[in-house]
Structure formats: C-alpha cells, structure tokens
PDB file of all heavy atoms in Angstrom:
ATOM      1  N   VAL A   1      84.299  35.339-202.576  1.00  0.00           N
ATOM      2  CA  VAL A   1      84.899  35.809-203.830  1.00  0.00           C
ATOM      3  C   VAL A   1      85.780  37.026-203.548  1.00  0.00           C
ATOM      4  O   VAL A   1      86.886  37.150-204.096  1.00  0.00           O
ATOM      5  CB  VAL A   1      83.800  36.117-204.876  1.00  0.00           C
ATOM      6  CG1 VAL A   1      84.358  36.903-206.056  1.00  0.00           C
ATOM      7  CG2 VAL A   1      83.160  34.822-205.365  1.00  0.00           C
ATOM      8  N   GLY A   2      85.324  37.903-202.672  1.00  0.00           N
ATOM      9  CA  GLY A   2      86.146  39.053-202.277  1.00  0.00           C
ATOM     10  C   GLY A   2      87.421  38.621-201.574  1.00  0.00           C
ATOM     11  O   GLY A   2      88.498  39.160-201.829  1.00  0.00           O
ATOM     12  N   TRP A   3      87.294  37.653-200.665  1.00  0.00           N
ATOM     13  CA  TRP A   3      88.479  37.144-199.963  1.00  0.00           C
ATOM     14  C   TRP A   3      89.462  36.518-200.944  1.00  0.00           C
ATOM     15  O   TRP A   3      90.664  36.709-200.829  1.00  0.00           O
ATOM     16  CB  TRP A   3      88.099  36.109-198.919  1.00  0.00           C
ATOM     17  CG  TRP A   3      87.269  36.629-197.796  1.00  0.00           C
ATOM     18  CD1 TRP A   3      87.227  37.892-197.300  1.00  0.00           C
ATOM     19  CD2 TRP A   3      86.325  35.873-197.030  1.00  0.00           C
ATOM     20  NE1 TRP A   3      86.327  37.980-196.268  1.00  0.00           N
ATOM     21  CE2 TRP A   3      85.759  36.763-196.081  1.00  0.00           C
ATOM     22  CE3 TRP A   3      85.895  34.549-197.051  1.00  0.00           C
ATOM     23  CZ2 TRP A   3      84.792  36.355-195.169  1.00  0.00           C
ATOM     24  CZ3 TRP A   3      84.938  34.145-196.141  1.00  0.00           C
ATOM     25  CH2 TRP A   3      84.397  35.043-195.211  1.00  0.00           C
ATOM     26  N   LEU A   4      88.934  35.745-201.893  1.00  0.00           N
ATOM     27  CA  LEU A   4      89.810  35.104-202.880  1.00  0.00           C
ATOM     28  C   LEU A   4      90.499  36.141-203.757  1.00  0.00           C
ATOM     29  O   LEU A   4      91.636  35.942-204.188  1.00  0.00           O
ATOM     30  CB  LEU A   4      89.020  34.112-203.732  1.00  0.00           C
ATOM     31  CG  LEU A   4      88.605  32.831-203.020  1.00  0.00           C
ATOM     32  CD1 LEU A   4      87.624  32.032-203.877  1.00  0.00           C
ATOM     33  CD2 LEU A   4      89.822  31.990-202.682  1.00  0.00           C
ATOM     34  N   GLY A   5      89.821  37.241-204.032  1.00  0.00           N
ATOM     35  CA  GLY A   5      90.427  38.311-204.827  1.00  0.00           C
ATOM     36  C   GLY A   5      91.539  39.015-204.078  1.00  0.00           C
ATOM     37  O   GLY A   5      92.515  39.458-204.672  1.00  0.00           O
ATOM     38  N   ALA A   6      91.406  39.124-202.767  1.00  0.00           N
ATOM     39  CA  ALA A   6      92.421  39.805-201.958  1.00  0.00           C
ATOM     40  C   ALA A   6      93.592  38.889-201.649  1.00  0.00           C
ATOM     41  O   ALA A   6      94.747  39.282-201.806  1.00  0.00           O
ATOM     42  CB  ALA A   6      91.802  40.314-200.662  1.00  0.00           C
ATOM     43  N   GLU A   7      93.285  37.688-201.198  1.00  0.00           N
ATOM     44  CA  GLU A   7      94.329  36.730-200.847  1.00  0.00           C
ATOM     45  C   GLU A   7      93.730  35.328-200.821  1.00  0.00           C
ATOM     46  O   GLU A   7      92.941  34.997-199.940  1.00  0.00           O
ATOM     47  CB  GLU A   7      94.895  37.061-199.470  1.00  0.00           C
ATOM     48  CG  GLU A   7      95.985  36.109-199.030  1.00  0.00           C
ATOM     49  CD  GLU A   7      96.498  36.434-197.636  1.00  0.00           C
ATOM     50  OE1 GLU A   7      96.127  37.470-197.066  1.00  0.00           O
ATOM     51  OE2 GLU A   7      97.272  35.616-197.134  1.00  0.00           O
ATOM     52  N   PRO A   8      94.068  34.509-201.800  1.00  0.00           N
ATOM     53  CA  PRO A   8      93.517  33.149-201.841  1.00  0.00           C
ATOM     54  C   PRO A   8      93.953  32.341-200.608  1.00  0.00           C
ATOM     55  O   PRO A   8      95.144  32.243-200.303  1.00  0.00           O
ATOM     56  CB  PRO A   8      94.100  32.546-203.117  1.00  0.00           C
ATOM     57  CG  PRO A   8      94.510  33.723-203.949  1.00  0.00           C
ATOM     58  CD  PRO A   8      94.884  34.799-202.975  1.00  0.00           C
ATOM     59  N   THR A   9      92.981  31.838-199.874  1.00  0.00           N
ATOM     60  CA  THR A   9      93.254  31.005-198.701  1.00  0.00           C
ATOM     61  C   THR A   9      92.350  29.782-198.731  1.00  0.00           C
ATOM     62  O   THR A   9      91.329  29.754-199.432  1.00  0.00           O
ATOM     63  CB  THR A   9      92.983  31.773-197.395  1.00  0.00           C
ATOM     64  OG1 THR A   9      91.597  32.113-197.349  1.00  0.00           O
ATOM     65  CG2 THR A   9      93.831  33.031-197.283  1.00  0.00           C
ATOM     66  N   GLY A  10      92.731  28.801-197.952  1.00  0.00           N
ATOM     67  CA  GLY A  10      91.920  27.596-197.838  1.00  0.00           C
ATOM     68  C   GLY A  10      90.545  27.868-197.264  1.00  0.00           C
ATOM     69  O   GLY A  10      89.549  27.260-197.666  1.00  0.00           O
ATOM     70  N   TRP A  11      90.487  28.803-196.285  1.00  0.00           N
ATOM     71  CA  TRP A  11      89.206  29.142-195.671  1.00  0.00           C
ATOM     72  C   TRP A  11      88.250  29.743-196.691  1.00  0.00           C
ATOM     73  O   TRP A  11      87.064  29.415-196.706  1.00  0.00           O
ATOM     74  CB  TRP A  11      89.394  30.115-194.511  1.00  0.00           C
ATOM     75  CG  TRP A  11      89.817  29.423-193.262  1.00  0.00           C
ATOM     76  CD1 TRP A  11      91.066  29.450-192.713  1.00  0.00           C
ATOM     77  CD2 TRP A  11      89.025  28.577-192.428  1.00  0.00           C
ATOM     78  NE1 TRP A  11      91.088  28.672-191.572  1.00  0.00           N
ATOM     79  CE2 TRP A  11      89.842  28.127-191.377  1.00  0.00           C
ATOM     80  CE3 TRP A  11      87.706  28.157-192.467  1.00  0.00           C
ATOM     81  CZ2 TRP A  11      89.384  27.281-190.381  1.00  0.00           C
ATOM     82  CZ3 TRP A  11      87.235  27.310-191.473  1.00  0.00           C
ATOM     83  CH2 TRP A  11      88.078  26.879-190.444  1.00  0.00           C
ATOM     84  N   ALA A  12      88.748  30.637-197.532  1.00  0.00           N
ATOM     85  CA  ALA A  12      87.895  31.267-198.537  1.00  0.00           C
ATOM     86  C   ALA A  12      87.357  30.228-199.516  1.00  0.00           C
ATOM     87  O   ALA A  12      86.179  30.261-199.892  1.00  0.00           O
ATOM     88  CB  ALA A  12      88.666  32.358-199.274  1.00  0.00           C
ATOM     89  N   VAL A  13      88.202  29.290-199.906  1.00  0.00           N
ATOM     90  CA  VAL A  13      87.772  28.220-200.812  1.00  0.00           C
ATOM     91  C   VAL A  13      86.735  27.331-200.125  1.00  0.00           C
ATOM     92  O   VAL A  13      85.719  26.954-200.727  1.00  0.00           O
ATOM     93  CB  VAL A  13      88.982  27.386-201.298  1.00  0.00           C
ATOM     94  CG1 VAL A  13      88.532  26.152-202.072  1.00  0.00           C
ATOM     95  CG2 VAL A  13      89.909  28.243-202.153  1.00  0.00           C
ATOM     96  N   ALA A  14      86.948  27.007-198.841  1.00  0.00           N
ATOM     97  CA  ALA A  14      86.003  26.166-198.101  1.00  0.00           C
ATOM     98  C   ALA A  14      84.650  26.858-197.951  1.00  0.00           C
ATOM     99  O   ALA A  14      83.595  26.231-198.125  1.00  0.00           O
ATOM    100  CB  ALA A  14      86.571  25.814-196.730  1.00  0.00           C
ATOM    101  N   VAL A  15      84.663  28.151-197.660  1.00  0.00           N
ATOM    102  CA  VAL A  15      83.415  28.906-197.527  1.00  0.00           C
ATOM    103  C   VAL A  15      82.682  28.943-198.865  1.00  0.00           C
ATOM    104  O   VAL A  15      81.468  28.712-198.936  1.00  0.00           O
ATOM    105  CB  VAL A  15      83.684  30.332-196.995  1.00  0.00           C
ATOM    106  CG1 VAL A  15      82.446  31.203-197.114  1.00  0.00           C
ATOM    107  CG2 VAL A  15      84.167  30.275-195.560  1.00  0.00           C
ATOM    108  N   LEU A  16      83.418  29.215-199.926  1.00  0.00           N
ATOM    109  CA  LEU A  16      82.808  29.258-201.257  1.00  0.00           C
ATOM    110  C   LEU A  16      82.225  27.902-201.636  1.00  0.00           C
ATOM    111  O   LEU A  16      81.077  27.823-202.103  1.00  0.00           O
ATOM    112  CB  LEU A  16      83.838  29.706-202.302  1.00  0.00           C
ATOM    113  CG  LEU A  16      83.341  29.796-203.745  1.00  0.00           C
ATOM    114  CD1 LEU A  16      82.197  30.798-203.866  1.00  0.00           C
ATOM    115  CD2 LEU A  16      84.497  30.168-204.674  1.00  0.00           C
ATOM    116  N   ALA A  17      82.975  26.837-201.423  1.00  0.00           N
ATOM    117  CA  ALA A  17      82.489  25.490-201.766  1.00  0.00           C
ATOM    118  C   ALA A  17      81.248  25.137-200.951  1.00  0.00           C
ATOM    119  O   ALA A  17      80.263  24.613-201.496  1.00  0.00           O
ATOM    120  CB  ALA A  17      83.599  24.463-201.530  1.00  0.00           C
ATOM    121  N   SER A  18      81.271  25.434-199.671  1.00  0.00           N
ATOM    122  CA  SER A  18      80.126  25.144-198.809  1.00  0.00           C
ATOM    123  C   SER A  18      78.889  25.898-199.273  1.00  0.00           C
ATOM    124  O   SER A  18      77.790  25.325-199.381  1.00  0.00           O
ATOM    125  CB  SER A  18      80.471  25.528-197.367  1.00  0.00           C
ATOM    126  OG  SER A  18      79.332  25.529-196.557  1.00  0.00           O
ATOM    127  N   ALA A  19      79.041  27.181-199.545  1.00  0.00           N
ATOM    128  CA  ALA A  19      77.903  28.002-199.957  1.00  0.00           C
ATOM    129  C   ALA A  19      77.351  27.550-201.304  1.00  0.00           C
ATOM    130  O   ALA A  19      76.133  27.492-201.500  1.00  0.00           O
ATOM    131  CB  ALA A  19      78.320  29.471-200.022  1.00  0.00           C
ATOM    132  N   LEU A  20      78.237  27.212-202.233  1.00  0.00           N
ATOM    133  CA  LEU A  20      77.773  26.727-203.533  1.00  0.00           C
ATOM    134  C   LEU A  20      77.047  25.394-203.401  1.00  0.00           C
ATOM    135  O   LEU A  20      76.000  25.183-204.033  1.00  0.00           O
ATOM    136  CB  LEU A  20      78.946  26.608-204.508  1.00  0.00           C
ATOM    137  CG  LEU A  20      79.500  27.918-205.049  1.00  0.00           C
ATOM    138  CD1 LEU A  20      80.778  27.679-205.858  1.00  0.00           C
ATOM    139  CD2 LEU A  20      78.459  28.637-205.901  1.00  0.00           C
ATOM    140  N   LEU A  21      77.581  24.494-202.590  1.00  0.00           N
ATOM    141  CA  LEU A  21      76.930  23.193-202.403  1.00  0.00           C
ATOM    142  C   LEU A  21      75.536  23.342-201.805  1.00  0.00           C
ATOM    143  O   LEU A  21      74.585  22.718-202.266  1.00  0.00           O
ATOM    144  CB  LEU A  21      77.792  22.290-201.524  1.00  0.00           C
ATOM    145  CG  LEU A  21      78.990  21.649-202.187  1.00  0.00           C
ATOM    146  CD1 LEU A  21      79.875  20.953-201.157  1.00  0.00           C
ATOM    147  CD2 LEU A  21      78.544  20.654-203.245  1.00  0.00           C
ATOM    148  N   VAL A  22      75.411  24.157-200.773  1.00  0.00           N
ATOM    149  CA  VAL A  22      74.103  24.351-200.146  1.00  0.00           C
ATOM    150  C   VAL A  22      73.147  25.031-201.124  1.00  0.00           C
ATOM    151  O   VAL A  22      71.992  24.612-201.271  1.00  0.00           O
ATOM    152  CB  VAL A  22      74.215  25.168-198.846  1.00  0.00           C
ATOM    153  CG1 VAL A  22      72.836  25.528-198.303  1.00  0.00           C
ATOM    154  CG2 VAL A  22      74.999  24.397-197.803  1.00  0.00           C
ATOM    155  N   GLY A  23      73.620  26.068-201.804  1.00  0.00           N
ATOM    156  CA  GLY A  23      72.760  26.782-202.748  1.00  0.00           C
ATOM    157  C   GLY A  23      72.245  25.893-203.856  1.00  0.00           C
ATOM    158  O   GLY A  23      71.051  25.899-204.173  1.00  0.00           O
ATOM    159  N   VAL A  24      73.130  25.101-204.433  1.00  0.00           N
ATOM    160  CA  VAL A  24      72.720  24.190-205.501  1.00  0.00           C
ATOM    161  C   VAL A  24      71.803  23.098-204.946  1.00  0.00           C
ATOM    162  O   VAL A  24      70.790  22.749-205.554  1.00  0.00           O
ATOM    163  CB  VAL A  24      73.953  23.584-206.213  1.00  0.00           C
ATOM    164  CG1 VAL A  24      73.561  22.449-207.131  1.00  0.00           C
ATOM    165  CG2 VAL A  24      74.694  24.675-206.994  1.00  0.00           C
ATOM    166  N   ALA A  25      72.136  22.567-203.771  1.00  0.00           N
ATOM    167  CA  ALA A  25      71.332  21.495-203.178  1.00  0.00           C
ATOM    168  C   ALA A  25      69.893  21.945-202.943  1.00  0.00           C
ATOM    169  O   ALA A  25      68.959  21.165-203.146  1.00  0.00           O
ATOM    170  CB  ALA A  25      71.960  21.026-201.865  1.00  0.00           C
ATOM    171  N   LEU A  26      69.704  23.191-202.529  1.00  0.00           N
ATOM    172  CA  LEU A  26      68.352  23.665-202.259  1.00  0.00           C
ATOM    173  C   LEU A  26      67.551  23.904-203.534  1.00  0.00           C
ATOM    174  O   LEU A  26      66.336  24.077-203.475  1.00  0.00           O
ATOM    175  CB  LEU A  26      68.389  24.940-201.426  1.00  0.00           C
ATOM    176  CG  LEU A  26      68.877  24.756-199.994  1.00  0.00           C
ATOM    177  CD1 LEU A  26      68.841  26.071-199.247  1.00  0.00           C
ATOM    178  CD2 LEU A  26      68.065  23.703-199.259  1.00  0.00           C
ATOM    179  N   LEU A  27      68.211  23.894-204.681  1.00  0.00           N
ATOM    180  CA  LEU A  27      67.522  24.083-205.955  1.00  0.00           C
ATOM    181  C   LEU A  27      67.301  22.780-206.714  1.00  0.00           C
ATOM    182  O   LEU A  27      66.675  22.784-207.776  1.00  0.00           O
ATOM    183  CB  LEU A  27      68.303  25.075-206.820  1.00  0.00           C
ATOM    184  CG  LEU A  27      68.465  26.469-206.210  1.00  0.00           C
ATOM    185  CD1 LEU A  27      69.348  27.335-207.092  1.00  0.00           C
ATOM    186  CD2 LEU A  27      67.121  27.125-205.980  1.00  0.00           C
ATOM    187  N   VAL A  28      67.795  21.676-206.172  1.00  0.00           N
ATOM    188  CA  VAL A  28      67.579  20.364-206.798  1.00  0.00           C
ATOM    189  C   VAL A  28      66.084  20.046-206.728  1.00  0.00           C
ATOM    190  O   VAL A  28      65.451  20.247-205.676  1.00  0.00           O
ATOM    191  CB  VAL A  28      68.420  19.280-206.071  1.00  0.00           C
ATOM    192  CG1 VAL A  28      68.046  17.891-206.512  1.00  0.00           C
ATOM    193  CG2 VAL A  28      69.899  19.550-206.294  1.00  0.00           C
ATOM    194  N   PRO A  29      65.485  19.570-207.821  1.00  0.00           N
ATOM    195  CA  PRO A  29      64.038  19.332-207.831  1.00  0.00           C
ATOM    196  C   PRO A  29      63.516  18.452-206.688  1.00  0.00           C
ATOM    197  O   PRO A  29      62.454  18.728-206.132  1.00  0.00           O
ATOM    198  CB  PRO A  29      63.796  18.671-209.192  1.00  0.00           C
ATOM    199  CG  PRO A  29      64.885  19.216-210.056  1.00  0.00           C
ATOM    200  CD  PRO A  29      66.076  19.347-209.148  1.00  0.00           C
ATOM    201  N   SER A  30      64.260  17.427-206.301  1.00  0.00           N
ATOM    202  CA  SER A  30      63.779  16.568-205.210  1.00  0.00           C
ATOM    203  C   SER A  30      63.743  17.314-203.879  1.00  0.00           C
ATOM    204  O   SER A  30      62.864  17.084-203.046  1.00  0.00           O
ATOM    205  CB  SER A  30      64.644  15.313-205.088  1.00  0.00           C
ATOM    206  OG  SER A  30      65.978  15.656-204.757  1.00  0.00           O
ATOM    207  N   VAL A  31      64.677  18.236-203.676  1.00  0.00           N
ATOM    208  CA  VAL A  31      64.690  19.030-202.446  1.00  0.00           C
ATOM    209  C   VAL A  31      63.563  20.060-202.474  1.00  0.00           C
ATOM    210  O   VAL A  31      62.878  20.267-201.472  1.00  0.00           O
ATOM    211  CB  VAL A  31      66.061  19.702-202.233  1.00  0.00           C
ATOM    212  CG1 VAL A  31      66.028  20.680-201.072  1.00  0.00           C
ATOM    213  CG2 VAL A  31      67.130  18.642-202.011  1.00  0.00           C
ATOM    214  N   VAL A  32      63.356  20.689-203.615  1.00  0.00           N
ATOM    215  CA  VAL A  32      62.250  21.641-203.733  1.00  0.00           C
ATOM    216  C   VAL A  32      60.928  20.929-203.457  1.00  0.00           C
ATOM    217  O   VAL A  32      60.077  21.432-202.725  1.00  0.00           O
ATOM    218  CB  VAL A  32      62.249  22.317-205.125  1.00  0.00           C
ATOM    219  CG1 VAL A  32      60.998  23.154-205.336  1.00  0.00           C
ATOM    220  CG2 VAL A  32      63.497  23.170-205.306  1.00  0.00           C
ATOM    221  N   ALA A  33      60.764  19.734-204.001  1.00  0.00           N
ATOM    222  CA  ALA A  33      59.535  18.969-203.766  1.00  0.00           C
ATOM    223  C   ALA A  33      59.401  18.574-202.300  1.00  0.00           C
ATOM    224  O   ALA A  33      58.307  18.581-201.741  1.00  0.00           O
ATOM    225  CB  ALA A  33      59.515  17.726-204.656  1.00  0.00           C
ATOM    226  N   ALA A  34      60.514  18.254-201.663  1.00  0.00           N
ATOM    227  CA  ALA A  34      60.478  17.823-200.261  1.00  0.00           C
ATOM    228  C   ALA A  34      60.224  18.978-199.305  1.00  0.00           C
ATOM    229  O   ALA A  34      59.808  18.764-198.173  1.00  0.00           O
ATOM    230  CB  ALA A  34      61.796  17.139-199.895  1.00  0.00           C
ATOM    231  N   THR A  35      60.460  20.196-199.758  1.00  0.00           N
ATOM    232  CA  THR A  35      60.260  21.372-198.900  1.00  0.00           C
ATOM    233  C   THR A  35      59.144  22.246-199.460  1.00  0.00           C
ATOM    234  O   THR A  35      59.292  23.456-199.575  1.00  0.00           O
ATOM    235  CB  THR A  35      61.563  22.181-198.781  1.00  0.00           C
ATOM    236  OG1 THR A  35      62.007  22.545-200.093  1.00  0.00           O
ATOM    237  CG2 THR A  35      62.640  21.403-198.076  1.00  0.00           C
ATOM    238  N   SER A  36      58.038  21.630-199.773  1.00  0.00           N
ATOM    239  CA  SER A  36      56.930  22.363-200.405  1.00  0.00           C
ATOM    240  C   SER A  36      55.717  22.542-199.512  1.00  0.00           C
ATOM    241  O   SER A  36      54.663  22.899-200.002  1.00  0.00           O
ATOM    242  CB  SER A  36      56.505  21.659-201.695  1.00  0.00           C
ATOM    243  OG  SER A  36      57.529  21.752-202.639  1.00  0.00           O
ATOM    244  N   ASP A  37      55.810  22.282-198.209  1.00  0.00           N
ATOM    245  CA  ASP A  37      54.691  22.505-197.279  1.00  0.00           C
ATOM    246  C   ASP A  37      53.388  21.900-197.798  1.00  0.00           C
ATOM    247  O   ASP A  37      52.431  22.591-198.058  1.00  0.00           O
ATOM    248  CB  ASP A  37      54.481  23.991-197.026  1.00  0.00           C
ATOM    249  CG  ASP A  37      55.379  24.527-195.946  1.00  0.00           C
ATOM    250  OD1 ASP A  37      55.961  23.746-195.198  1.00  0.00           O
ATOM    251  OD2 ASP A  37      55.470  25.743-195.867  1.00  0.00           O
ATOM    252  N   ARG A  38      53.352  20.607-197.928  1.00  0.00           N
ATOM    253  CA  ARG A  38      52.156  19.963-198.452  1.00  0.00           C
ATOM    254  C   ARG A  38      50.944  20.127-197.541  1.00  0.00           C
ATOM    255  O   ARG A  38      49.849  19.740-197.878  1.00  0.00           O
ATOM    256  CB  ARG A  38      52.430  18.494-198.717  1.00  0.00           C
ATOM    257  CG  ARG A  38      53.195  18.316-200.001  1.00  0.00           C
ATOM    258  CD  ARG A  38      53.470  16.871-200.254  1.00  0.00           C
ATOM    259  NE  ARG A  38      54.399  16.285-199.302  1.00  0.00           N
ATOM    260  CZ  ARG A  38      55.693  16.520-199.254  1.00  0.00           C
ATOM    261  NH1 ARG A  38      56.222  17.374-200.070  1.00  0.00           N
ATOM    262  NH2 ARG A  38      56.463  15.923-198.380  1.00  0.00           N
TER     263      ARG A  38
END
C-alpha cells in the first residue's frame, strides 16, 4: 500500500494481490478446519 501510494507499479500490485489471496485463503473455514492439529 505504501509502494502504491508513492508510485503505482506492477510489482506493488502483484505483492498486494498475493498477500490478500494468502490472507483470505488462510481464513476460509475449510482451511481453518484443515489446519486445526487434530
């Protein structure tokens, strides 16, 4: 977000998209259930 505020680049967008995808994916109920140390 800081990089995008200074100068929008493809790399900044790719980093943001990657981080958002991973963050959301780890909060999906099926992933939380799969990573629950049964």
